[in-house]
């Protein structure tokens, strides 16, 4: 499933093409994705509205209209956008389309239909829509640092990897990026969060930020389905140190066959048995 770097890559690709565009019409070929799709409601929310901002909150794209309304979009597992001339034939998996000013069509394709498109209202110009109020801190925000992560982890017995993947605590740190950040910080993924000291929390917060920023610069990670709106694959997978490299040698301590795979909370976790404690 696309994580923060992939969603931010999509946002950056869409933003210059969508800002200022006026939505003329909406169509849909399905009644349901992960959430119901009501094309009449979408038309009421979207038609005649100018797109004035495109934001990311956690793993969601947030489209802001000029009247305080907007859309919350989620890619699911196989979601992808493209902007094409209005006359372009539809593909079989294009589920929702917005006809834009200037003869363009903005389309959302989703093979497995786990994505979502939902209208929303914003409480104020810069705030989150109420549907996303439960989300935790953005790991790229200035307020996210070692001190903040240390406070979050106090008194908690759950593994530190599970904590940093909890979207009510820290958003957007998916399975791949959690494994890579914990490796950089030298922390075993199963270490109880409450046993992560101040220095380790500082290393981990820094590692999370670095891994996410590097992944965004590389266009995200493509292991199966992800493409940006240009059709390009993310390239961060070539920089992965531990994820998917079980039985490989550790690139830091050099331990032969040091990379191990374990399953935590139903997800594969990768770590070095020599240098992650």
C-alpha atoms as a PDB file:
ATOM      1  CA  UNK A   1       0.000   0.000   0.000  1.00  0.00           C
ATOM      2  CA  UNK A   2       1.410   3.447  -0.845  1.00  0.00           C
ATOM      3  CA  UNK A   3       2.824   5.189   2.210  1.00  0.00           C
ATOM      4  CA  UNK A   4       3.740   8.787   2.978  1.00  0.00           C
ATOM      5  CA  UNK A   5       6.558   9.110   0.394  1.00  0.00           C
ATOM      6  CA  UNK A   6       4.443   7.664  -2.415  1.00  0.00           C
ATOM      7  CA  UNK A   7       1.438   9.854  -1.577  1.00  0.00           C
ATOM      8  CA  UNK A   8       3.662  12.936  -1.334  1.00  0.00           C
ATOM      9  CA  UNK A   9       5.189  12.041  -4.710  1.00  0.00           C
ATOM     10  CA  UNK A  10       1.695  11.881  -6.220  1.00  0.00           C
ATOM     11  CA  UNK A  11       0.724  15.181  -4.590  1.00  0.00           C
ATOM     12  CA  UNK A  12       3.783  16.956  -5.976  1.00  0.00           C
ATOM     13  CA  UNK A  13       3.105  15.586  -9.444  1.00  0.00           C
ATOM     14  CA  UNK A  14      -0.589  16.555  -9.439  1.00  0.00           C
ATOM     15  CA  UNK A  15      -0.312  19.957  -7.791  1.00  0.00           C
ATOM     16  CA  UNK A  16       1.000  22.058 -10.707  1.00  0.00           C
ATOM     17  CA  UNK A  17      -1.553  20.478 -13.052  1.00  0.00           C
ATOM     18  CA  UNK A  18      -4.591  20.868 -10.829  1.00  0.00           C
ATOM     19  CA  UNK A  19      -4.158  24.195  -9.031  1.00  0.00           C
ATOM     20  CA  UNK A  20      -6.547  26.752 -10.445  1.00  0.00           C
ATOM     21  CA  UNK A  21      -8.508  24.223 -12.483  1.00  0.00           C
ATOM     22  CA  UNK A  22     -12.308  24.410 -12.408  1.00  0.00           C
ATOM     23  CA  UNK A  23     -14.235  21.140 -12.237  1.00  0.00           C
ATOM     24  CA  UNK A  24     -16.957  21.000 -14.901  1.00  0.00           C
ATOM     25  CA  UNK A  25     -18.345  17.502 -14.293  1.00  0.00           C
ATOM     26  CA  UNK A  26     -17.827  14.233 -12.420  1.00  0.00           C
ATOM     27  CA  UNK A  27     -18.497  10.695 -13.588  1.00  0.00           C
ATOM     28  CA  UNK A  28     -18.071   7.291 -11.965  1.00  0.00           C
ATOM     29  CA  UNK A  29     -18.180   3.740 -13.289  1.00  0.00           C
ATOM     30  CA  UNK A  30     -18.735   2.124  -9.852  1.00  0.00           C
ATOM     31  CA  UNK A  31     -21.003   2.626  -6.859  1.00  0.00           C
ATOM     32  CA  UNK A  32     -18.420   1.478  -4.323  1.00  0.00           C
ATOM     33  CA  UNK A  33     -14.706   1.602  -3.749  1.00  0.00           C
ATOM     34  CA  UNK A  34     -13.572   1.114  -0.156  1.00  0.00           C
ATOM     35  CA  UNK A  35     -16.348   3.597   0.626  1.00  0.00           C
ATOM     36  CA  UNK A  36     -19.556   4.203  -1.352  1.00  0.00           C
ATOM     37  CA  UNK A  37     -19.276   6.428  -4.416  1.00  0.00           C
ATOM     38  CA  UNK A  38     -22.324   8.669  -4.875  1.00  0.00           C
ATOM     39  CA  UNK A  39     -21.814  10.486  -8.147  1.00  0.00           C
ATOM     40  CA  UNK A  40     -24.692  12.912  -7.505  1.00  0.00           C
ATOM     41  CA  UNK A  41     -23.122  13.984  -4.213  1.00  0.00           C
ATOM     42  CA  UNK A  42     -19.751  14.348  -5.876  1.00  0.00           C
ATOM     43  CA  UNK A  43     -21.278  16.542  -8.568  1.00  0.00           C
ATOM     44  CA  UNK A  44     -22.881  18.779  -5.950  1.00  0.00           C
ATOM     45  CA  UNK A  45     -19.562  19.159  -4.130  1.00  0.00           C
ATOM     46  CA  UNK A  46     -17.301  19.488  -7.149  1.00  0.00           C
ATOM     47  CA  UNK A  47     -19.018  21.059 -10.162  1.00  0.00           C
ATOM     48  CA  UNK A  48     -18.128  24.702 -10.664  1.00  0.00           C
ATOM     49  CA  UNK A  49     -15.504  24.628  -7.936  1.00  0.00           C
ATOM     50  CA  UNK A  50     -11.960  25.847  -8.385  1.00  0.00           C
ATOM     51  CA  UNK A  51      -9.116  23.751  -6.921  1.00  0.00           C
ATOM     52  CA  UNK A  52      -7.103  26.079  -4.709  1.00  0.00           C
ATOM     53  CA  UNK A  53      -4.881  23.653  -2.769  1.00  0.00           C
ATOM     54  CA  UNK A  54      -3.688  20.059  -2.815  1.00  0.00           C
ATOM     55  CA  UNK A  55      -2.376  18.830   0.525  1.00  0.00           C
ATOM     56  CA  UNK A  56      -1.234  15.559   2.028  1.00  0.00           C
ATOM     57  CA  UNK A  57      -2.302  14.431   5.481  1.00  0.00           C
ATOM     58  CA  UNK A  58      -0.757  11.109   6.475  1.00  0.00           C
ATOM     59  CA  UNK A  59      -1.525   8.755   3.558  1.00  0.00           C
ATOM     60  CA  UNK A  60      -4.427  10.859   2.270  1.00  0.00           C
ATOM     61  CA  UNK A  61      -4.565  13.450  -0.488  1.00  0.00           C
ATOM     62  CA  UNK A  62      -6.705  16.430   0.489  1.00  0.00           C
ATOM     63  CA  UNK A  63      -8.147  18.602  -2.300  1.00  0.00           C
ATOM     64  CA  UNK A  64      -9.318  22.050  -1.175  1.00  0.00           C
ATOM     65  CA  UNK A  65     -11.948  23.964  -3.155  1.00  0.00           C
ATOM     66  CA  UNK A  66     -12.580  27.697  -3.162  1.00  0.00           C
ATOM     67  CA  UNK A  67     -15.719  27.434  -0.997  1.00  0.00           C
ATOM     68  CA  UNK A  68     -14.415  25.580   2.067  1.00  0.00           C
ATOM     69  CA  UNK A  69     -15.349  22.158   0.743  1.00  0.00           C
ATOM     70  CA  UNK A  70     -13.079  19.543  -0.816  1.00  0.00           C
ATOM     71  CA  UNK A  71     -12.205  15.896  -1.259  1.00  0.00           C
ATOM     72  CA  UNK A  72     -10.309  13.283   0.742  1.00  0.00           C
ATOM     73  CA  UNK A  73      -8.647  10.753  -1.558  1.00  0.00           C
ATOM     74  CA  UNK A  74      -6.939   7.506  -0.636  1.00  0.00           C
ATOM     75  CA  UNK A  75      -4.982   5.363  -3.087  1.00  0.00           C
ATOM     76  CA  UNK A  76      -5.698   2.052  -1.385  1.00  0.00           C
ATOM     77  CA  UNK A  77      -3.441  -0.711  -2.673  1.00  0.00           C
ATOM     78  CA  UNK A  78      -3.638  -0.089  -6.419  1.00  0.00           C
ATOM     79  CA  UNK A  79      -4.923   3.450  -6.877  1.00  0.00           C
ATOM     80  CA  UNK A  80      -3.364   5.757  -9.466  1.00  0.00           C
ATOM     81  CA  UNK A  81      -4.174   9.106 -11.070  1.00  0.00           C
ATOM     82  CA  UNK A  82      -3.612  10.477 -14.521  1.00  0.00           C
ATOM     83  CA  UNK A  83      -4.558  13.722 -16.260  1.00  0.00           C
ATOM     84  CA  UNK A  84      -5.284  13.330 -19.953  1.00  0.00           C
ATOM     85  CA  UNK A  85      -7.160  15.116 -22.755  1.00  0.00           C
ATOM     86  CA  UNK A  86     -10.907  14.779 -22.252  1.00  0.00           C
ATOM     87  CA  UNK A  87     -11.239  12.772 -25.480  1.00  0.00           C
ATOM     88  CA  UNK A  88      -8.852  10.032 -24.265  1.00  0.00           C
ATOM     89  CA  UNK A  89     -10.621   6.637 -24.108  1.00  0.00           C
ATOM     90  CA  UNK A  90     -11.188   5.306 -20.612  1.00  0.00           C
ATOM     91  CA  UNK A  91      -9.322   2.261 -19.351  1.00  0.00           C
ATOM     92  CA  UNK A  92     -11.214  -0.600 -17.750  1.00  0.00           C
ATOM     93  CA  UNK A  93     -10.085   0.228 -14.205  1.00  0.00           C
ATOM     94  CA  UNK A  94     -10.714   3.994 -14.221  1.00  0.00           C
ATOM     95  CA  UNK A  95     -13.379   4.400 -11.557  1.00  0.00           C
ATOM     96  CA  UNK A  96     -13.910   8.157 -11.074  1.00  0.00           C
ATOM     97  CA  UNK A  97     -13.200  11.040 -13.441  1.00  0.00           C
ATOM     98  CA  UNK A  98     -13.339  14.802 -13.040  1.00  0.00           C
ATOM     99  CA  UNK A  99     -13.749  16.855 -16.217  1.00  0.00           C
ATOM    100  CA  UNK A 100     -11.618  19.981 -15.863  1.00  0.00           C
ATOM    101  CA  UNK A 101     -11.531  23.353 -17.535  1.00  0.00           C
ATOM    102  CA  UNK A 102      -9.295  23.426 -20.578  1.00  0.00           C
ATOM    103  CA  UNK A 103     -10.531  20.125 -22.010  1.00  0.00           C
ATOM    104  CA  UNK A 104      -8.720  17.868 -19.556  1.00  0.00           C
ATOM    105  CA  UNK A 105      -9.848  14.830 -17.575  1.00  0.00           C
ATOM    106  CA  UNK A 106      -8.462  13.902 -14.157  1.00  0.00           C
ATOM    107  CA  UNK A 107      -8.978  10.179 -13.604  1.00  0.00           C
ATOM    108  CA  UNK A 108      -8.665   7.780 -10.692  1.00  0.00           C
ATOM    109  CA  UNK A 109      -7.959   4.141 -11.560  1.00  0.00           C
ATOM    110  CA  UNK A 110      -8.099   1.433  -8.921  1.00  0.00           C
ATOM    111  CA  UNK A 111      -7.778  -2.211  -9.948  1.00  0.00           C
ATOM    112  CA  UNK A 112      -8.660  -3.708  -6.562  1.00  0.00           C
ATOM    113  CA  UNK A 113     -11.074  -0.937  -5.510  1.00  0.00           C
ATOM    114  CA  UNK A 114      -9.558  -0.405  -2.050  1.00  0.00           C
ATOM    115  CA  UNK A 115      -9.100   3.326  -2.584  1.00  0.00           C
ATOM    116  CA  UNK A 116     -11.653   5.965  -1.631  1.00  0.00           C
ATOM    117  CA  UNK A 117     -13.076   9.290  -2.787  1.00  0.00           C
ATOM    118  CA  UNK A 118     -15.134  11.234  -0.257  1.00  0.00           C
ATOM    119  CA  UNK A 119     -16.324  14.831  -0.088  1.00  0.00           C
ATOM    120  CA  UNK A 120     -15.702  16.904   3.021  1.00  0.00           C
ATOM    121  CA  UNK A 121     -15.968  20.352   4.579  1.00  0.00           C
ATOM    122  CA  UNK A 122     -13.070  22.085   6.302  1.00  0.00           C
ATOM    123  CA  UNK A 123     -13.461  23.756   9.716  1.00  0.00           C
ATOM    124  CA  UNK A 124     -11.055  26.509   8.632  1.00  0.00           C
ATOM    125  CA  UNK A 125      -8.700  27.318   5.774  1.00  0.00           C
ATOM    126  CA  UNK A 126      -5.652  25.545   7.201  1.00  0.00           C
ATOM    127  CA  UNK A 127      -7.208  22.823   9.346  1.00  0.00           C
ATOM    128  CA  UNK A 128      -7.787  19.143   8.792  1.00  0.00           C
ATOM    129  CA  UNK A 129     -11.210  17.872   7.759  1.00  0.00           C
ATOM    130  CA  UNK A 130     -13.023  16.243  10.701  1.00  0.00           C
ATOM    131  CA  UNK A 131     -12.656  12.770   9.158  1.00  0.00           C
ATOM    132  CA  UNK A 132      -8.880  13.005   9.721  1.00  0.00           C
ATOM    133  CA  UNK A 133      -8.941  14.530  13.205  1.00  0.00           C
ATOM    134  CA  UNK A 134      -7.832  11.264  14.817  1.00  0.00           C
ATOM    135  CA  UNK A 135      -4.470  11.205  13.061  1.00  0.00           C
ATOM    136  CA  UNK A 136      -1.171  11.672  14.875  1.00  0.00           C
ATOM    137  CA  UNK A 137       1.774  13.956  14.226  1.00  0.00           C
ATOM    138  CA  UNK A 138       3.374  14.318  10.801  1.00  0.00           C
ATOM    139  CA  UNK A 139       6.924  12.895  10.962  1.00  0.00           C
ATOM    140  CA  UNK A 140       8.226  15.638   8.658  1.00  0.00           C
ATOM    141  CA  UNK A 141       6.748  18.415  10.821  1.00  0.00           C
ATOM    142  CA  UNK A 142       9.157  20.540  12.898  1.00  0.00           C
ATOM    143  CA  UNK A 143       7.421  19.404  16.099  1.00  0.00           C
ATOM    144  CA  UNK A 144       8.356  15.763  15.487  1.00  0.00           C
ATOM    145  CA  UNK A 145      11.697  15.152  17.184  1.00  0.00           C
ATOM    146  CA  UNK A 146      13.329  12.832  19.668  1.00  0.00           C
ATOM    147  CA  UNK A 147      11.706  14.523  22.646  1.00  0.00           C
ATOM    148  CA  UNK A 148       8.260  14.108  21.147  1.00  0.00           C
ATOM    149  CA  UNK A 149       8.859  10.449  20.276  1.00  0.00           C
ATOM    150  CA  UNK A 150      10.259   9.825  23.756  1.00  0.00           C
ATOM    151  CA  UNK A 151       7.091  11.262  25.326  1.00  0.00           C
ATOM    152  CA  UNK A 152       4.877   9.153  23.075  1.00  0.00           C
ATOM    153  CA  UNK A 153       6.667   5.964  24.071  1.00  0.00           C
ATOM    154  CA  UNK A 154       6.611   6.361  27.854  1.00  0.00           C
ATOM    155  CA  UNK A 155       4.902   3.530  29.723  1.00  0.00           C
ATOM    156  CA  UNK A 156       4.151   1.553  26.602  1.00  0.00           C
ATOM    157  CA  UNK A 157       4.935  -2.144  26.341  1.00  0.00           C
ATOM    158  CA  UNK A 158       4.096  -2.560  22.689  1.00  0.00           C
ATOM    159  CA  UNK A 159       7.048  -2.968  20.282  1.00  0.00           C
ATOM    160  CA  UNK A 160       8.560   0.297  19.114  1.00  0.00           C
ATOM    161  CA  UNK A 161       7.934  -0.674  15.483  1.00  0.00           C
ATOM    162  CA  UNK A 162       4.221  -1.044  16.163  1.00  0.00           C
ATOM    163  CA  UNK A 163       4.134   2.338  17.884  1.00  0.00           C
ATOM    164  CA  UNK A 164       5.750   4.281  15.041  1.00  0.00           C
ATOM    165  CA  UNK A 165       3.369   2.602  12.588  1.00  0.00           C
ATOM    166  CA  UNK A 166       0.298   3.540  14.662  1.00  0.00           C
ATOM    167  CA  UNK A 167      -1.422   6.290  12.664  1.00  0.00           C
ATOM    168  CA  UNK A 168      -2.880   7.811  15.818  1.00  0.00           C
ATOM    169  CA  UNK A 169       0.673   8.331  17.097  1.00  0.00           C
ATOM    170  CA  UNK A 170       2.838   9.089  14.047  1.00  0.00           C
ATOM    171  CA  UNK A 171       1.391   9.115  10.549  1.00  0.00           C
ATOM    172  CA  UNK A 172       2.696   7.703   7.317  1.00  0.00           C
ATOM    173  CA  UNK A 173       5.568   5.536   8.607  1.00  0.00           C
ATOM    174  CA  UNK A 174       4.696   2.355   6.770  1.00  0.00           C
ATOM    175  CA  UNK A 175       6.206  -1.082   7.116  1.00  0.00           C
ATOM    176  CA  UNK A 176       9.127  -0.572   4.743  1.00  0.00           C
ATOM    177  CA  UNK A 177      10.136   2.789   6.185  1.00  0.00           C
ATOM    178  CA  UNK A 178       9.747   1.640   9.794  1.00  0.00           C
ATOM    179  CA  UNK A 179      12.146  -1.261   9.185  1.00  0.00           C
ATOM    180  CA  UNK A 180      14.668   0.995   7.464  1.00  0.00           C
ATOM    181  CA  UNK A 181      14.503   3.731  10.128  1.00  0.00           C
ATOM    182  CA  UNK A 182      14.904   1.257  13.007  1.00  0.00           C
ATOM    183  CA  UNK A 183      17.929  -0.217  11.260  1.00  0.00           C
ATOM    184  CA  UNK A 184      19.538   3.201  10.902  1.00  0.00           C
ATOM    185  CA  UNK A 185      18.852   3.951  14.549  1.00  0.00           C
ATOM    186  CA  UNK A 186      20.224   0.575  15.713  1.00  0.00           C
ATOM    187  CA  UNK A 187      16.995  -0.375  17.493  1.00  0.00           C
ATOM    188  CA  UNK A 188      15.451  -3.845  17.403  1.00  0.00           C
ATOM    189  CA  UNK A 189      11.888  -3.619  16.068  1.00  0.00           C
ATOM    190  CA  UNK A 190      10.522  -5.707  18.968  1.00  0.00           C
ATOM    191  CA  UNK A 191      12.066  -3.568  21.716  1.00  0.00           C
ATOM    192  CA  UNK A 192       9.265  -2.373  24.036  1.00  0.00           C
ATOM    193  CA  UNK A 193       8.584   1.269  23.262  1.00  0.00           C
ATOM    194  CA  UNK A 194       8.854   2.210  26.925  1.00  0.00           C
ATOM    195  CA  UNK A 195      12.446   0.919  26.965  1.00  0.00           C
ATOM    196  CA  UNK A 196      13.589   3.281  24.213  1.00  0.00           C
ATOM    197  CA  UNK A 197      15.723   5.884  25.946  1.00  0.00           C
ATOM    198  CA  UNK A 198      16.093   9.557  25.111  1.00  0.00           C
ATOM    199  CA  UNK A 199      19.201   9.088  22.978  1.00  0.00           C
ATOM    200  CA  UNK A 200      17.654   6.196  21.049  1.00  0.00           C
ATOM    201  CA  UNK A 201      14.420   8.145  20.536  1.00  0.00           C
ATOM    202  CA  UNK A 202      16.438  11.024  19.133  1.00  0.00           C
ATOM    203  CA  UNK A 203      18.294   8.713  16.725  1.00  0.00           C
ATOM    204  CA  UNK A 204      15.028   7.107  15.649  1.00  0.00           C
ATOM    205  CA  UNK A 205      13.200  10.393  15.040  1.00  0.00           C
ATOM    206  CA  UNK A 206      16.126  11.578  12.924  1.00  0.00           C
ATOM    207  CA  UNK A 207      16.235   8.277  11.030  1.00  0.00           C
ATOM    208  CA  UNK A 208      12.487   8.372  10.312  1.00  0.00           C
ATOM    209  CA  UNK A 209      12.768  11.864   8.885  1.00  0.00           C
ATOM    210  CA  UNK A 210      15.855  10.988   6.812  1.00  0.00           C
ATOM    211  CA  UNK A 211      14.371   7.793   5.378  1.00  0.00           C
ATOM    212  CA  UNK A 212      11.120   9.509   4.413  1.00  0.00           C
ATOM    213  CA  UNK A 213      12.878  12.506   2.851  1.00  0.00           C
ATOM    214  CA  UNK A 214      15.212  10.251   0.858  1.00  0.00           C
ATOM    215  CA  UNK A 215      12.282   8.134  -0.304  1.00  0.00           C
ATOM    216  CA  UNK A 216      10.386  11.227  -1.462  1.00  0.00           C
ATOM    217  CA  UNK A 217      13.467  12.413  -3.354  1.00  0.00           C
ATOM    218  CA  UNK A 218      13.602   8.988  -5.059  1.00  0.00           C
ATOM    219  CA  UNK A 219       9.923   9.132  -6.002  1.00  0.00           C
ATOM    220  CA  UNK A 220       8.852   6.551  -3.416  1.00  0.00           C
ATOM    221  CA  UNK A 221       9.232   2.784  -3.403  1.00  0.00           C
ATOM    222  CA  UNK A 222       7.763   0.505  -6.080  1.00  0.00           C
ATOM    223  CA  UNK A 223       7.591  -3.127  -5.022  1.00  0.00           C
ATOM    224  CA  UNK A 224       4.480  -4.038  -6.994  1.00  0.00           C
ATOM    225  CA  UNK A 225       1.870  -1.544  -8.171  1.00  0.00           C
ATOM    226  CA  UNK A 226       2.870   2.026  -7.362  1.00  0.00           C
ATOM    227  CA  UNK A 227       3.245   4.560 -10.185  1.00  0.00           C
ATOM    228  CA  UNK A 228       3.154   8.338 -10.030  1.00  0.00           C
ATOM    229  CA  UNK A 229       0.782  10.263 -12.358  1.00  0.00           C
ATOM    230  CA  UNK A 230       3.510  10.325 -15.022  1.00  0.00           C
ATOM    231  CA  UNK A 231       3.629   6.525 -14.957  1.00  0.00           C
ATOM    232  CA  UNK A 232       7.064   6.486 -13.333  1.00  0.00           C
ATOM    233  CA  UNK A 233       8.091   3.920 -10.724  1.00  0.00           C
ATOM    234  CA  UNK A 234       9.580   4.957  -7.413  1.00  0.00           C
ATOM    235  CA  UNK A 235      13.271   4.124  -7.072  1.00  0.00           C
ATOM    236  CA  UNK A 236      13.882   4.022  -3.316  1.00  0.00           C
ATOM    237  CA  UNK A 237      13.797   0.212  -3.372  1.00  0.00           C
ATOM    238  CA  UNK A 238      17.369   0.189  -4.689  1.00  0.00           C
ATOM    239  CA  UNK A 239      18.464   1.948  -1.468  1.00  0.00           C
ATOM    240  CA  UNK A 240      16.792  -0.452   0.983  1.00  0.00           C
ATOM    241  CA  UNK A 241      19.303  -1.699   3.546  1.00  0.00           C
ATOM    242  CA  UNK A 242      17.289  -4.438   5.273  1.00  0.00           C
ATOM    243  CA  UNK A 243      13.733  -4.647   3.940  1.00  0.00           C
ATOM    244  CA  UNK A 244      13.310  -7.761   1.801  1.00  0.00           C
ATOM    245  CA  UNK A 245      16.953  -8.758   2.280  1.00  0.00           C
ATOM    246  CA  UNK A 246      16.619 -11.649   4.721  1.00  0.00           C
ATOM    247  CA  UNK A 247      19.714 -13.847   4.986  1.00  0.00           C
ATOM    248  CA  UNK A 248      21.788 -11.066   3.457  1.00  0.00           C
ATOM    249  CA  UNK A 249      24.928  -9.586   4.980  1.00  0.00           C
ATOM    250  CA  UNK A 250      24.456  -6.509   7.126  1.00  0.00           C
ATOM    251  CA  UNK A 251      25.583  -3.395   5.214  1.00  0.00           C
ATOM    252  CA  UNK A 252      26.626  -1.713   8.485  1.00  0.00           C
ATOM    253  CA  UNK A 253      28.262  -4.273  10.795  1.00  0.00           C
ATOM    254  CA  UNK A 254      29.094  -6.775   8.050  1.00  0.00           C
ATOM    255  CA  UNK A 255      27.626  -9.802   9.848  1.00  0.00           C
ATOM    256  CA  UNK A 256      27.288 -12.626   7.330  1.00  0.00           C
ATOM    257  CA  UNK A 257      23.644 -13.585   6.783  1.00  0.00           C
ATOM    258  CA  UNK A 258      22.822 -11.135   9.541  1.00  0.00           C
ATOM    259  CA  UNK A 259      19.537  -9.824   8.168  1.00  0.00           C
ATOM    260  CA  UNK A 260      16.570 -11.615   9.689  1.00  0.00           C
ATOM    261  CA  UNK A 261      12.854 -11.560   8.957  1.00  0.00           C
ATOM    262  CA  UNK A 262      10.191 -11.833  11.648  1.00  0.00           C
ATOM    263  CA  UNK A 263       6.434 -11.294  11.533  1.00  0.00           C
ATOM    264  CA  UNK A 264       5.090  -8.590  13.842  1.00  0.00           C
ATOM    265  CA  UNK A 265       1.415  -7.644  13.932  1.00  0.00           C
ATOM    266  CA  UNK A 266       0.954  -9.592  10.711  1.00  0.00           C
ATOM    267  CA  UNK A 267       3.670  -7.673   8.841  1.00  0.00           C
ATOM    268  CA  UNK A 268       7.162  -8.732   7.811  1.00  0.00           C
ATOM    269  CA  UNK A 269       9.895  -6.959   9.768  1.00  0.00           C
ATOM    270  CA  UNK A 270      13.553  -7.005   8.808  1.00  0.00           C
ATOM    271  CA  UNK A 271      16.493  -6.275  11.089  1.00  0.00           C
ATOM    272  CA  UNK A 272      20.140  -7.095  11.697  1.00  0.00           C
ATOM    273  CA  UNK A 273      20.659  -9.545  14.532  1.00  0.00           C
ATOM    274  CA  UNK A 274      24.137  -8.147  15.083  1.00  0.00           C
ATOM    275  CA  UNK A 275      23.651  -4.399  15.444  1.00  0.00           C
ATOM    276  CA  UNK A 276      20.013  -3.798  16.363  1.00  0.00           C
ATOM    277  CA  UNK A 277      19.344  -4.142  20.066  1.00  0.00           C
END
